Amino acid sequence: GEIDHRSIYGEASLKDAKELHEEGIEFHPLPVLPDER
């Protein structure tokens, strides 16, 4: 609740993702298709 909720995307390390998950913060990876790589 420190800032207003809005839709965001960016990068997170595996460590950051694990910590967010453990804190109960919901997030989802953006879908990436093999041919996009």
PDB file of all heavy atoms in Angstrom:
ATOM      1  N   GLY A   1       0.779  -1.238   0.000  1.00  0.00           N
ATOM      2  CA  GLY A   1       0.000   0.000   0.000  1.00  0.00           C
ATOM      3  C   GLY A   1       0.808   1.283   0.000  1.00  0.00           C
ATOM      4  O   GLY A   1       0.270   2.343   0.281  1.00  0.00           O
ATOM      5  N   GLU A   2       2.094   1.201  -0.312  1.00  0.00           N
ATOM      6  CA  GLU A   2       2.926   2.405  -0.339  1.00  0.00           C
ATOM      7  C   GLU A   2       2.669   3.252  -1.586  1.00  0.00           C
ATOM      8  O   GLU A   2       2.874   4.457  -1.564  1.00  0.00           O
ATOM      9  CB  GLU A   2       4.405   2.021  -0.255  1.00  0.00           C
ATOM     10  CG  GLU A   2       4.775   1.329   1.046  1.00  0.00           C
ATOM     11  CD  GLU A   2       6.201   0.789   1.039  1.00  0.00           C
ATOM     12  OE1 GLU A   2       7.036   1.295   0.268  1.00  0.00           O
ATOM     13  OE2 GLU A   2       6.473  -0.147   1.818  1.00  0.00           O
ATOM     14  N   ILE A   3       2.251   2.605  -2.665  1.00  0.00           N
ATOM     15  CA  ILE A   3       1.897   3.308  -3.903  1.00  0.00           C
ATOM     16  C   ILE A   3       0.618   2.695  -4.450  1.00  0.00           C
ATOM     17  O   ILE A   3       0.230   1.588  -4.062  1.00  0.00           O
ATOM     18  CB  ILE A   3       3.027   3.248  -4.971  1.00  0.00           C
ATOM     19  CG1 ILE A   3       3.327   1.793  -5.378  1.00  0.00           C
ATOM     20  CG2 ILE A   3       4.287   3.938  -4.487  1.00  0.00           C
ATOM     21  CD1 ILE A   3       4.324   1.652  -6.527  1.00  0.00           C
ATOM     22  N   ASP A   4      -0.058   3.416  -5.349  1.00  0.00           N
ATOM     23  CA  ASP A   4      -1.290   2.919  -5.948  1.00  0.00           C
ATOM     24  C   ASP A   4      -1.012   1.702  -6.811  1.00  0.00           C
ATOM     25  O   ASP A   4       0.027   1.613  -7.476  1.00  0.00           O
ATOM     26  CB  ASP A   4      -1.948   4.005  -6.807  1.00  0.00           C
ATOM     27  CG  ASP A   4      -2.543   5.123  -5.961  1.00  0.00           C
ATOM     28  OD1 ASP A   4      -2.845   4.885  -4.775  1.00  0.00           O
ATOM     29  OD2 ASP A   4      -2.701   6.243  -6.493  1.00  0.00           O
ATOM     30  N   HIS A   5      -1.983   0.800  -6.838  1.00  0.00           N
ATOM     31  CA  HIS A   5      -1.868  -0.408  -7.660  1.00  0.00           C
ATOM     32  C   HIS A   5      -2.005  -0.038  -9.133  1.00  0.00           C
ATOM     33  O   HIS A   5      -2.836   0.780  -9.497  1.00  0.00           O
ATOM     34  CB  HIS A   5      -2.946  -1.416  -7.269  1.00  0.00           C
ATOM     35  CG  HIS A   5      -2.871  -2.677  -8.065  1.00  0.00           C
ATOM     36  ND1 HIS A   5      -1.982  -3.674  -7.761  1.00  0.00           N
ATOM     37  CD2 HIS A   5      -3.537  -3.075  -9.167  1.00  0.00           C
ATOM     38  CE1 HIS A   5      -2.121  -4.650  -8.637  1.00  0.00           C
ATOM     39  NE2 HIS A   5      -3.058  -4.312  -9.505  1.00  0.00           N
ATOM     40  N   ARG A   6      -1.165  -0.639  -9.956  1.00  0.00           N
ATOM     41  CA  ARG A   6      -1.239  -0.477 -11.404  1.00  0.00           C
ATOM     42  C   ARG A   6      -0.607  -1.702 -12.037  1.00  0.00           C
ATOM     43  O   ARG A   6       0.089  -2.463 -11.373  1.00  0.00           O
ATOM     44  CB  ARG A   6      -0.547   0.807 -11.863  1.00  0.00           C
ATOM     45  CG  ARG A   6       0.972   0.785 -11.695  1.00  0.00           C
ATOM     46  CD  ARG A   6       1.566   2.172 -11.988  1.00  0.00           C
ATOM     47  NE  ARG A   6       2.971   2.148 -12.254  1.00  0.00           N
ATOM     48  CZ  ARG A   6       3.943   2.021 -11.357  1.00  0.00           C
ATOM     49  NH1 ARG A   6       3.627   1.885 -10.083  1.00  0.00           N
ATOM     50  NH2 ARG A   6       5.204   2.023 -11.709  1.00  0.00           N
ATOM     51  N   SER A   7      -0.857  -1.908 -13.319  1.00  0.00           N
ATOM     52  CA  SER A   7      -0.258  -3.038 -14.031  1.00  0.00           C
ATOM     53  C   SER A   7       1.171  -2.680 -14.404  1.00  0.00           C
ATOM     54  O   SER A   7       1.413  -1.617 -14.995  1.00  0.00           O
ATOM     55  CB  SER A   7      -1.052  -3.356 -15.291  1.00  0.00           C
ATOM     56  OG  SER A   7      -2.323  -3.822 -14.947  1.00  0.00           O
ATOM     57  N   ILE A   8       2.101  -3.556 -14.046  1.00  0.00           N
ATOM     58  CA  ILE A   8       3.512  -3.332 -14.360  1.00  0.00           C
ATOM     59  C   ILE A   8       4.113  -4.604 -14.939  1.00  0.00           C
ATOM     60  O   ILE A   8       3.569  -5.692 -14.770  1.00  0.00           O
ATOM     61  CB  ILE A   8       4.334  -2.900 -13.121  1.00  0.00           C
ATOM     62  CG1 ILE A   8       4.313  -3.992 -12.034  1.00  0.00           C
ATOM     63  CG2 ILE A   8       3.852  -1.554 -12.584  1.00  0.00           C
ATOM     64  CD1 ILE A   8       5.284  -3.743 -10.889  1.00  0.00           C
ATOM     65  N   TYR A   9       5.235  -4.441 -15.622  1.00  0.00           N
ATOM     66  CA  TYR A   9       6.043  -5.589 -16.032  1.00  0.00           C
ATOM     67  C   TYR A   9       7.492  -5.157 -16.053  1.00  0.00           C
ATOM     68  O   TYR A   9       7.812  -3.981 -16.101  1.00  0.00           O
ATOM     69  CB  TYR A   9       5.586  -6.176 -17.373  1.00  0.00           C
ATOM     70  CG  TYR A   9       5.910  -5.339 -18.596  1.00  0.00           C
ATOM     71  CD1 TYR A   9       6.961  -5.687 -19.431  1.00  0.00           C
ATOM     72  CD2 TYR A   9       5.152  -4.225 -18.934  1.00  0.00           C
ATOM     73  CE1 TYR A   9       7.253  -4.947 -20.557  1.00  0.00           C
ATOM     74  CE2 TYR A   9       5.436  -3.476 -20.058  1.00  0.00           C
ATOM     75  CZ  TYR A   9       6.481  -3.837 -20.870  1.00  0.00           C
ATOM     76  OH  TYR A   9       6.776  -3.102 -21.983  1.00  0.00           O
ATOM     77  N   GLY A  10       8.384  -6.140 -15.931  1.00  0.00           N
ATOM     78  CA  GLY A  10       9.811  -5.860 -15.903  1.00  0.00           C
ATOM     79  C   GLY A  10      10.575  -7.152 -15.683  1.00  0.00           C
ATOM     80  O   GLY A  10      10.100  -8.228 -16.016  1.00  0.00           O
ATOM     81  N   GLU A  11      11.761  -7.030 -15.108  1.00  0.00           N
ATOM     82  CA  GLU A  11      12.596  -8.199 -14.859  1.00  0.00           C
ATOM     83  C   GLU A  11      12.762  -8.417 -13.364  1.00  0.00           C
ATOM     84  O   GLU A  11      12.813  -7.465 -12.603  1.00  0.00           O
ATOM     85  CB  GLU A  11      13.996  -8.021 -15.476  1.00  0.00           C
ATOM     86  CG  GLU A  11      14.005  -8.059 -16.984  1.00  0.00           C
ATOM     87  CD  GLU A  11      13.821  -6.681 -17.588  1.00  0.00           C
ATOM     88  OE1 GLU A  11      14.357  -5.717 -17.024  1.00  0.00           O
ATOM     89  OE2 GLU A  11      13.128  -6.561 -18.596  1.00  0.00           O
ATOM     90  N   ALA A  12      12.877  -9.695 -13.004  1.00  0.00           N
ATOM     91  CA  ALA A  12      13.143 -10.068 -11.618  1.00  0.00           C
ATOM     92  C   ALA A  12      14.070 -11.275 -11.629  1.00  0.00           C
ATOM     93  O   ALA A  12      13.923 -12.168 -12.451  1.00  0.00           O
ATOM     94  CB  ALA A  12      11.850 -10.401 -10.883  1.00  0.00           C
ATOM     95  N   SER A  13      15.016 -11.271 -10.714  1.00  0.00           N
ATOM     96  CA  SER A  13      15.902 -12.428 -10.596  1.00  0.00           C
ATOM     97  C   SER A  13      15.119 -13.582  -9.981  1.00  0.00           C
ATOM     98  O   SER A  13      14.036 -13.389  -9.406  1.00  0.00           O
ATOM     99  CB  SER A  13      17.097 -12.087  -9.698  1.00  0.00           C
ATOM    100  OG  SER A  13      16.652 -11.897  -8.355  1.00  0.00           O
ATOM    101  N   LEU A  14      15.658 -14.779 -10.079  1.00  0.00           N
ATOM    102  CA  LEU A  14      15.011 -15.937  -9.472  1.00  0.00           C
ATOM    103  C   LEU A  14      14.882 -15.727  -7.959  1.00  0.00           C
ATOM    104  O   LEU A  14      13.851 -16.048  -7.367  1.00  0.00           O
ATOM    105  CB  LEU A  14      15.798 -17.213  -9.783  1.00  0.00           C
ATOM    106  CG  LEU A  14      15.214 -18.511  -9.273  1.00  0.00           C
ATOM    107  CD1 LEU A  14      13.798 -18.725  -9.803  1.00  0.00           C
ATOM    108  CD2 LEU A  14      16.095 -19.687  -9.662  1.00  0.00           C
ATOM    109  N   LYS A  15      15.906 -15.141  -7.353  1.00  0.00           N
ATOM    110  CA  LYS A  15      15.879 -14.863  -5.908  1.00  0.00           C
ATOM    111  C   LYS A  15      14.733 -13.899  -5.581  1.00  0.00           C
ATOM    112  O   LYS A  15      13.971 -14.119  -4.647  1.00  0.00           O
ATOM    113  CB  LYS A  15      17.216 -14.269  -5.477  1.00  0.00           C
ATOM    114  CG  LYS A  15      17.303 -13.897  -4.006  1.00  0.00           C
ATOM    115  CD  LYS A  15      18.668 -13.281  -3.687  1.00  0.00           C
ATOM    116  CE  LYS A  15      18.773 -12.883  -2.246  1.00  0.00           C
ATOM    117  NZ  LYS A  15      18.462 -11.479  -2.019  1.00  0.00           N
ATOM    118  N   ASP A  16      14.605 -12.812  -6.373  1.00  0.00           N
ATOM    119  CA  ASP A  16      13.524 -11.855  -6.151  1.00  0.00           C
ATOM    120  C   ASP A  16      12.161 -12.517  -6.321  1.00  0.00           C
ATOM    121  O   ASP A  16      11.242 -12.278  -5.536  1.00  0.00           O
ATOM    122  CB  ASP A  16      13.630 -10.670  -7.120  1.00  0.00           C
ATOM    123  CG  ASP A  16      14.758  -9.713  -6.759  1.00  0.00           C
ATOM    124  OD1 ASP A  16      15.171  -9.685  -5.583  1.00  0.00           O
ATOM    125  OD2 ASP A  16      15.207  -8.975  -7.660  1.00  0.00           O
ATOM    126  N   ALA A  17      12.030 -13.352  -7.343  1.00  0.00           N
ATOM    127  CA  ALA A  17      10.756 -14.022  -7.592  1.00  0.00           C
ATOM    128  C   ALA A  17      10.385 -14.932  -6.424  1.00  0.00           C
ATOM    129  O   ALA A  17       9.226 -14.959  -5.989  1.00  0.00           O
ATOM    130  CB  ALA A  17      10.827 -14.817  -8.895  1.00  0.00           C
ATOM    131  N   LYS A  18      11.360 -15.667  -5.896  1.00  0.00           N
ATOM    132  CA  LYS A  18      11.088 -16.540  -4.754  1.00  0.00           C
ATOM    133  C   LYS A  18      10.654 -15.722  -3.541  1.00  0.00           C
ATOM    134  O   LYS A  18       9.720 -16.091  -2.830  1.00  0.00           O
ATOM    135  CB  LYS A  18      12.335 -17.368  -4.407  1.00  0.00           C
ATOM    136  CG  LYS A  18      12.588 -18.506  -5.355  1.00  0.00           C
ATOM    137  CD  LYS A  18      13.821 -19.288  -4.950  1.00  0.00           C
ATOM    138  CE  LYS A  18      14.098 -20.427  -5.909  1.00  0.00           C
ATOM    139  NZ  LYS A  18      15.295 -21.184  -5.529  1.00  0.00           N
ATOM    140  N   GLU A  19      11.340 -14.610  -3.302  1.00  0.00           N
ATOM    141  CA  GLU A  19      10.995 -13.761  -2.162  1.00  0.00           C
ATOM    142  C   GLU A  19       9.596 -13.166  -2.315  1.00  0.00           C
ATOM    143  O   GLU A  19       8.826 -13.114  -1.351  1.00  0.00           O
ATOM    144  CB  GLU A  19      12.040 -12.663  -1.979  1.00  0.00           C
ATOM    145  CG  GLU A  19      13.367 -13.191  -1.478  1.00  0.00           C
ATOM    146  CD  GLU A  19      14.472 -12.137  -1.468  1.00  0.00           C
ATOM    147  OE1 GLU A  19      14.241 -10.983  -1.921  1.00  0.00           O
ATOM    148  OE2 GLU A  19      15.585 -12.456  -1.024  1.00  0.00           O
ATOM    149  N   LEU A  20       9.245 -12.701  -3.522  1.00  0.00           N
ATOM    150  CA  LEU A  20       7.903 -12.164  -3.758  1.00  0.00           C
ATOM    151  C   LEU A  20       6.856 -13.242  -3.490  1.00  0.00           C
ATOM    152  O   LEU A  20       5.838 -12.986  -2.834  1.00  0.00           O
ATOM    153  CB  LEU A  20       7.769 -11.653  -5.195  1.00  0.00           C
ATOM    154  CG  LEU A  20       8.536 -10.376  -5.542  1.00  0.00           C
ATOM    155  CD1 LEU A  20       8.462 -10.112  -7.042  1.00  0.00           C
ATOM    156  CD2 LEU A  20       8.004  -9.189  -4.754  1.00  0.00           C
ATOM    157  N   HIS A  21       7.120 -14.448  -3.967  1.00  0.00           N
ATOM    158  CA  HIS A  21       6.189 -15.560  -3.758  1.00  0.00           C
ATOM    159  C   HIS A  21       6.023 -15.858  -2.263  1.00  0.00           C
ATOM    160  O   HIS A  21       4.901 -16.051  -1.783  1.00  0.00           O
ATOM    161  CB  HIS A  21       6.680 -16.798  -4.508  1.00  0.00           C
ATOM    162  CG  HIS A  21       5.834 -18.002  -4.270  1.00  0.00           C
ATOM    163  ND1 HIS A  21       4.592 -18.157  -4.823  1.00  0.00           N
ATOM    164  CD2 HIS A  21       6.055 -19.104  -3.511  1.00  0.00           C
ATOM    165  CE1 HIS A  21       4.077 -19.303  -4.419  1.00  0.00           C
ATOM    166  NE2 HIS A  21       4.945 -19.898  -3.631  1.00  0.00           N
ATOM    167  N   GLU A  22       7.139 -15.900  -1.531  1.00  0.00           N
ATOM    168  CA  GLU A  22       7.089 -16.182  -0.099  1.00  0.00           C
ATOM    169  C   GLU A  22       6.338 -15.104   0.673  1.00  0.00           C
ATOM    170  O   GLU A  22       5.726 -15.379   1.700  1.00  0.00           O
ATOM    171  CB  GLU A  22       8.508 -16.338   0.449  1.00  0.00           C
ATOM    172  CG  GLU A  22       9.174 -17.631  -0.007  1.00  0.00           C
ATOM    173  CD  GLU A  22      10.669 -17.686   0.312  1.00  0.00           C
ATOM    174  OE1 GLU A  22      11.215 -16.716   0.879  1.00  0.00           O
ATOM    175  OE2 GLU A  22      11.288 -18.706  -0.029  1.00  0.00           O
ATOM    176  N   GLU A  23       6.355 -13.865   0.153  1.00  0.00           N
ATOM    177  CA  GLU A  23       5.635 -12.765   0.798  1.00  0.00           C
ATOM    178  C   GLU A  23       4.156 -12.745   0.409  1.00  0.00           C
ATOM    179  O   GLU A  23       3.395 -11.922   0.912  1.00  0.00           O
ATOM    180  CB  GLU A  23       6.264 -11.421   0.419  1.00  0.00           C
ATOM    181  CG  GLU A  23       7.635 -11.203   1.025  1.00  0.00           C
ATOM    182  CD  GLU A  23       8.278  -9.900   0.580  1.00  0.00           C
ATOM    183  OE1 GLU A  23       7.623  -8.849   0.697  1.00  0.00           O
ATOM    184  OE2 GLU A  23       9.428  -9.936   0.107  1.00  0.00           O
ATOM    185  N   GLY A  24       3.757 -13.645  -0.485  1.00  0.00           N
ATOM    186  CA  GLY A  24       2.366 -13.701  -0.901  1.00  0.00           C
ATOM    187  C   GLY A  24       2.009 -12.683  -1.963  1.00  0.00           C
ATOM    188  O   GLY A  24       0.833 -12.377  -2.165  1.00  0.00           O
ATOM    189  N   ILE A  25       3.004 -12.154  -2.656  1.00  0.00           N
ATOM    190  CA  ILE A  25       2.773 -11.166  -3.705  1.00  0.00           C
ATOM    191  C   ILE A  25       2.564 -11.908  -5.013  1.00  0.00           C
ATOM    192  O   ILE A  25       3.436 -12.648  -5.462  1.00  0.00           O
ATOM    193  CB  ILE A  25       3.954 -10.179  -3.801  1.00  0.00           C
ATOM    194  CG1 ILE A  25       4.123  -9.451  -2.457  1.00  0.00           C
ATOM    195  CG2 ILE A  25       3.754  -9.198  -4.953  1.00  0.00           C
ATOM    196  CD1 ILE A  25       5.368  -8.609  -2.354  1.00  0.00           C
ATOM    197  N   GLU A  26       1.381 -11.714  -5.604  1.00  0.00           N
ATOM    198  CA  GLU A  26       1.040 -12.446  -6.827  1.00  0.00           C
ATOM    199  C   GLU A  26       1.667 -11.780  -8.048  1.00  0.00           C
ATOM    200  O   GLU A  26       1.593 -10.565  -8.222  1.00  0.00           O
ATOM    201  CB  GLU A  26      -0.470 -12.507  -6.998  1.00  0.00           C
ATOM    202  CG  GLU A  26      -0.891 -13.393  -8.135  1.00  0.00           C
ATOM    203  CD  GLU A  26      -2.391 -13.583  -8.218  1.00  0.00           C
ATOM    204  OE1 GLU A  26      -3.095 -13.284  -7.239  1.00  0.00           O
ATOM    205  OE2 GLU A  26      -2.841 -14.034  -9.271  1.00  0.00           O
ATOM    206  N   PHE A  27       2.286 -12.600  -8.883  1.00  0.00           N
ATOM    207  CA  PHE A  27       2.865 -12.148 -10.144  1.00  0.00           C
ATOM    208  C   PHE A  27       2.910 -13.346 -11.076  1.00  0.00           C
ATOM    209  O   PHE A  27       2.786 -14.488 -10.642  1.00  0.00           O
ATOM    210  CB  PHE A  27       4.277 -11.573  -9.945  1.00  0.00           C
ATOM    211  CG  PHE A  27       5.260 -12.585  -9.434  1.00  0.00           C
ATOM    212  CD1 PHE A  27       6.079 -13.275 -10.317  1.00  0.00           C
ATOM    213  CD2 PHE A  27       5.364 -12.869  -8.086  1.00  0.00           C
ATOM    214  CE1 PHE A  27       6.974 -14.228  -9.854  1.00  0.00           C
ATOM    215  CE2 PHE A  27       6.249 -13.816  -7.615  1.00  0.00           C
ATOM    216  CZ  PHE A  27       7.060 -14.495  -8.508  1.00  0.00           C
ATOM    217  N   HIS A  28       3.055 -13.083 -12.364  1.00  0.00           N
ATOM    218  CA  HIS A  28       3.086 -14.152 -13.353  1.00  0.00           C
ATOM    219  C   HIS A  28       4.126 -13.825 -14.407  1.00  0.00           C
ATOM    220  O   HIS A  28       4.254 -12.665 -14.808  1.00  0.00           O
ATOM    221  CB  HIS A  28       1.721 -14.311 -14.033  1.00  0.00           C
ATOM    222  CG  HIS A  28       0.623 -14.564 -13.068  1.00  0.00           C
ATOM    223  ND1 HIS A  28       0.382 -15.803 -12.531  1.00  0.00           N
ATOM    224  CD2 HIS A  28      -0.292 -13.732 -12.504  1.00  0.00           C
ATOM    225  CE1 HIS A  28      -0.641 -15.723 -11.699  1.00  0.00           C
ATOM    226  NE2 HIS A  28      -1.066 -14.481 -11.665  1.00  0.00           N
ATOM    227  N   PRO A  29       4.844 -14.818 -14.891  1.00  0.00           N
ATOM    228  CA  PRO A  29       5.797 -14.552 -15.975  1.00  0.00           C
ATOM    229  C   PRO A  29       5.046 -14.254 -17.263  1.00  0.00           C
ATOM    230  O   PRO A  29       3.970 -14.797 -17.511  1.00  0.00           O
ATOM    231  CB  PRO A  29       6.594 -15.854 -16.094  1.00  0.00           C
ATOM    232  CG  PRO A  29       5.721 -16.898 -15.474  1.00  0.00           C
ATOM    233  CD  PRO A  29       4.870 -16.209 -14.453  1.00  0.00           C
ATOM    234  N   LEU A  30       5.604 -13.349 -18.059  1.00  0.00           N
ATOM    235  CA  LEU A  30       5.012 -13.073 -19.366  1.00  0.00           C
ATOM    236  C   LEU A  30       5.251 -14.265 -20.268  1.00  0.00           C
ATOM    237  O   LEU A  30       6.340 -14.835 -20.268  1.00  0.00           O
ATOM    238  CB  LEU A  30       5.662 -11.833 -19.997  1.00  0.00           C
ATOM    239  CG  LEU A  30       5.278 -10.491 -19.399  1.00  0.00           C
ATOM    240  CD1 LEU A  30       6.100  -9.384 -20.038  1.00  0.00           C
ATOM    241  CD2 LEU A  30       3.805 -10.216 -19.574  1.00  0.00           C
ATOM    242  N   PRO A  31       4.252 -14.663 -21.052  1.00  0.00           N
ATOM    243  CA  PRO A  31       4.472 -15.808 -21.946  1.00  0.00           C
ATOM    244  C   PRO A  31       5.491 -15.472 -23.024  1.00  0.00           C
ATOM    245  O   PRO A  31       5.449 -14.397 -23.625  1.00  0.00           O
ATOM    246  CB  PRO A  31       3.085 -16.059 -22.550  1.00  0.00           C
ATOM    247  CG  PRO A  31       2.304 -14.817 -22.326  1.00  0.00           C
ATOM    248  CD  PRO A  31       2.913 -14.121 -21.154  1.00  0.00           C
ATOM    249  N   VAL A  32       6.443 -16.378 -23.236  1.00  0.00           N
ATOM    250  CA  VAL A  32       7.453 -16.233 -24.270  1.00  0.00           C
ATOM    251  C   VAL A  32       7.418 -17.493 -25.122  1.00  0.00           C
ATOM    252  O   VAL A  32       7.489 -18.592 -24.602  1.00  0.00           O
ATOM    253  CB  VAL A  32       8.865 -16.064 -23.659  1.00  0.00           C
ATOM    254  CG1 VAL A  32       9.911 -15.957 -24.760  1.00  0.00           C
ATOM    255  CG2 VAL A  32       8.915 -14.842 -22.761  1.00  0.00           C
ATOM    256  N   LEU A  33       7.283 -17.321 -26.412  1.00  0.00           N
ATOM    257  CA  LEU A  33       7.256 -18.457 -27.318  1.00  0.00           C
ATOM    258  C   LEU A  33       8.646 -18.760 -27.821  1.00  0.00           C
ATOM    259  O   LEU A  33       9.457 -17.850 -27.975  1.00  0.00           O
ATOM    260  CB  LEU A  33       6.313 -18.165 -28.488  1.00  0.00           C
ATOM    261  CG  LEU A  33       4.872 -17.868 -28.084  1.00  0.00           C
ATOM    262  CD1 LEU A  33       4.058 -17.447 -29.286  1.00  0.00           C
ATOM    263  CD2 LEU A  33       4.257 -19.075 -27.412  1.00  0.00           C
ATOM    264  N   PRO A  34       8.957 -20.040 -28.078  1.00  0.00           N
ATOM    265  CA  PRO A  34      10.310 -20.402 -28.526  1.00  0.00           C
ATOM    266  C   PRO A  34      10.773 -19.619 -29.756  1.00  0.00           C
ATOM    267  O   PRO A  34      11.910 -19.198 -29.826  1.00  0.00           O
ATOM    268  CB  PRO A  34      10.203 -21.896 -28.836  1.00  0.00           C
ATOM    269  CG  PRO A  34       9.061 -22.365 -28.022  1.00  0.00           C
ATOM    270  CD  PRO A  34       8.105 -21.210 -27.928  1.00  0.00           C
ATOM    271  N   ASP A  35       9.874 -19.369 -30.712  1.00  0.00           N
ATOM    272  CA  ASP A  35      10.287 -18.669 -31.926  1.00  0.00           C
ATOM    273  C   ASP A  35      10.573 -17.199 -31.683  1.00  0.00           C
ATOM    274  O   ASP A  35      11.221 -16.540 -32.478  1.00  0.00           O
ATOM    275  CB  ASP A  35       9.273 -18.831 -33.060  1.00  0.00           C
ATOM    276  CG  ASP A  35       7.845 -18.510 -32.654  1.00  0.00           C
ATOM    277  OD1 ASP A  35       7.552 -18.546 -31.442  1.00  0.00           O
ATOM    278  OD2 ASP A  35       7.026 -18.257 -33.546  1.00  0.00           O
ATOM    279  N   GLU A  36      10.152 -16.646 -30.544  1.00  0.00           N
ATOM    280  CA  GLU A  36      10.460 -15.256 -30.212  1.00  0.00           C
ATOM    281  C   GLU A  36      11.883 -15.105 -29.706  1.00  0.00           C
ATOM    282  O   GLU A  36      12.416 -14.011 -29.636  1.00  0.00           O
ATOM    283  CB  GLU A  36       9.481 -14.738 -29.159  1.00  0.00           C
ATOM    284  CG  GLU A  36       8.079 -14.573 -29.694  1.00  0.00           C
ATOM    285  CD  GLU A  36       7.103 -14.130 -28.608  1.00  0.00           C
ATOM    286  OE1 GLU A  36       7.441 -14.201 -27.408  1.00  0.00           O
ATOM    287  OE2 GLU A  36       6.008 -13.708 -28.989  1.00  0.00           O
ATOM    288  N   ARG A  37      12.536 -16.216 -29.333  1.00  0.00           N
ATOM    289  CA  ARG A  37      13.900 -16.166 -28.822  1.00  0.00           C
ATOM    290  C   ARG A  37      14.922 -16.322 -29.934  1.00  0.00           C
ATOM    291  O   ARG A  37      16.106 -16.250 -29.711  1.00  0.00           O
ATOM    292  CB  ARG A  37      14.113 -17.255 -27.783  1.00  0.00           C
ATOM    293  CG  ARG A  37      13.435 -16.934 -26.481  1.00  0.00           C
ATOM    294  CD  ARG A  37      13.835 -17.940 -25.425  1.00  0.00           C
ATOM    295  NE  ARG A  37      12.595 -18.506 -24.903  1.00  0.00           N
ATOM    296  CZ  ARG A  37      12.358 -19.772 -24.765  1.00  0.00           C
ATOM    297  NH1 ARG A  37      13.268 -20.649 -25.070  1.00  0.00           N
ATOM    298  NH2 ARG A  37      11.210 -20.192 -24.297  1.00  0.00           N
TER     299      ARG A  37
END
